[in-house]
Amino acid sequence: MPRISAFYGISIYMYYRDHAPPHFHAIYGEYEAIVAIETSEVLDGVLPRRAGALVAEWGQAHRDELSDAWAQARAGQPLPMIDGLE
């Protein structure tokens, strides 16, 4: 599972050929959540409130890049790194 971004102790990963709907995995310490690309909504798992807000902000800011990365992952192509939050 390639890491495609990291910021404020949060790591963002995307699996190759993962199941729909398009999503990414956010890991913060012992917490992990699956987050929808389209809405930045947590589909499964849990993050602390502040980490969840940062992930949602990041997801909204990079929605197009995440959609492109999802398509690349489904095709088995290398995934790009996506900038974190500043």
Protein backbone atom coordinates (compact mmCIF):
# COMPACT_ATOMS: atom_id res chain seq x y z
CA MET A 1 0.00 0.00 0.00
CA PRO A 2 1.90 3.08 -1.19
CA ARG A 3 2.01 6.16 0.98
CA ILE A 4 0.92 9.11 -1.15
CA SER A 5 1.08 11.91 1.43
CA ALA A 6 2.00 12.73 5.02
CA PHE A 7 1.33 15.78 7.20
CA TYR A 8 1.04 16.52 10.93
CA GLY A 9 1.70 12.88 11.85
CA ILE A 10 -1.02 11.64 9.49
CA SER A 11 -0.10 9.23 6.69
CA ILE A 12 -2.28 8.80 3.62
CA TYR A 13 -2.20 5.52 1.70
CA MET A 14 -3.96 4.08 -1.31
CA TYR A 15 -4.18 0.37 -2.19
CA TYR A 16 -3.74 -0.91 -5.73
CA ARG A 17 -6.96 -2.33 -7.22
CA ASP A 18 -8.94 -1.54 -4.06
CA HIS A 19 -12.73 -1.87 -3.86
CA ALA A 20 -15.22 0.88 -4.72
CA PRO A 21 -16.16 3.56 -3.82
CA PRO A 22 -12.98 5.52 -4.54
CA HIS A 23 -11.24 6.17 -1.23
CA PHE A 24 -7.97 6.50 0.61
CA HIS A 25 -6.71 5.30 3.98
CA ALA A 26 -5.68 7.80 6.67
CA ILE A 27 -3.55 6.56 9.57
CA TYR A 28 -2.78 8.60 12.67
CA GLY A 29 -1.04 6.67 15.44
CA GLU A 30 -3.25 3.71 16.33
CA TYR A 31 -6.23 5.19 14.47
CA GLU A 32 -7.17 4.38 10.89
CA ALA A 33 -10.03 5.50 8.68
CA ILE A 34 -11.17 4.87 5.13
CA VAL A 35 -12.16 8.20 3.58
CA ALA A 36 -14.27 8.75 0.44
CA ILE A 37 -12.49 10.81 -2.22
CA GLU A 38 -15.66 12.49 -3.48
CA THR A 39 -16.96 13.73 -0.12
CA SER A 40 -14.01 13.41 2.32
CA GLU A 41 -16.46 11.50 4.54
CA VAL A 42 -15.17 8.71 6.80
CA LEU A 43 -16.60 5.46 5.42
CA ASP A 44 -15.09 3.15 8.03
CA GLY A 45 -12.85 3.46 11.05
CA VAL A 46 -12.22 6.47 13.24
CA LEU A 47 -9.79 9.34 13.66
CA PRO A 48 -9.51 11.80 16.55
CA ARG A 49 -11.57 14.93 15.88
CA ARG A 50 -8.64 17.23 14.98
CA ALA A 51 -6.94 14.63 12.76
CA GLY A 52 -10.27 13.94 11.05
CA ALA A 53 -10.77 17.63 10.34
CA LEU A 54 -7.26 17.89 8.86
CA VAL A 55 -7.84 14.82 6.67
CA ALA A 56 -11.17 16.23 5.44
CA GLU A 57 -9.56 19.60 4.65
CA TRP A 58 -6.69 17.89 2.81
CA GLY A 59 -9.05 15.57 0.93
CA GLN A 60 -11.17 18.46 -0.31
CA ALA A 61 -8.11 20.45 -1.38
CA HIS A 62 -6.69 17.49 -3.35
CA ARG A 63 -9.87 15.82 -4.65
CA ASP A 64 -8.80 15.95 -8.31
CA GLU A 65 -5.32 14.58 -7.57
CA LEU A 66 -6.84 11.81 -5.44
CA SER A 67 -9.26 10.87 -8.24
CA ASP A 68 -6.34 10.66 -10.67
CA ALA A 69 -4.33 8.57 -8.18
CA TRP A 70 -7.33 6.23 -7.73
CA ALA A 71 -7.48 5.67 -11.50
CA GLN A 72 -3.74 5.02 -11.60
CA ALA A 73 -3.98 2.55 -8.70
CA ARG A 74 -6.82 0.67 -10.42
CA ALA A 75 -4.61 0.43 -13.52
CA GLY A 76 -1.61 -0.80 -11.49
CA GLN A 77 0.46 2.29 -12.32
CA PRO A 78 2.85 4.04 -9.91
CA LEU A 79 1.10 6.52 -7.65
CA PRO A 80 2.18 10.15 -7.34
CA MET A 81 3.03 11.85 -4.06
CA ILE A 82 0.47 14.50 -3.12
CA ASP A 83 1.46 17.56 -1.09
CA GLY A 84 0.35 17.64 2.52
CA LEU A 85 -1.17 20.55 4.40
CA GLU A 86 1.07 23.49 5.21
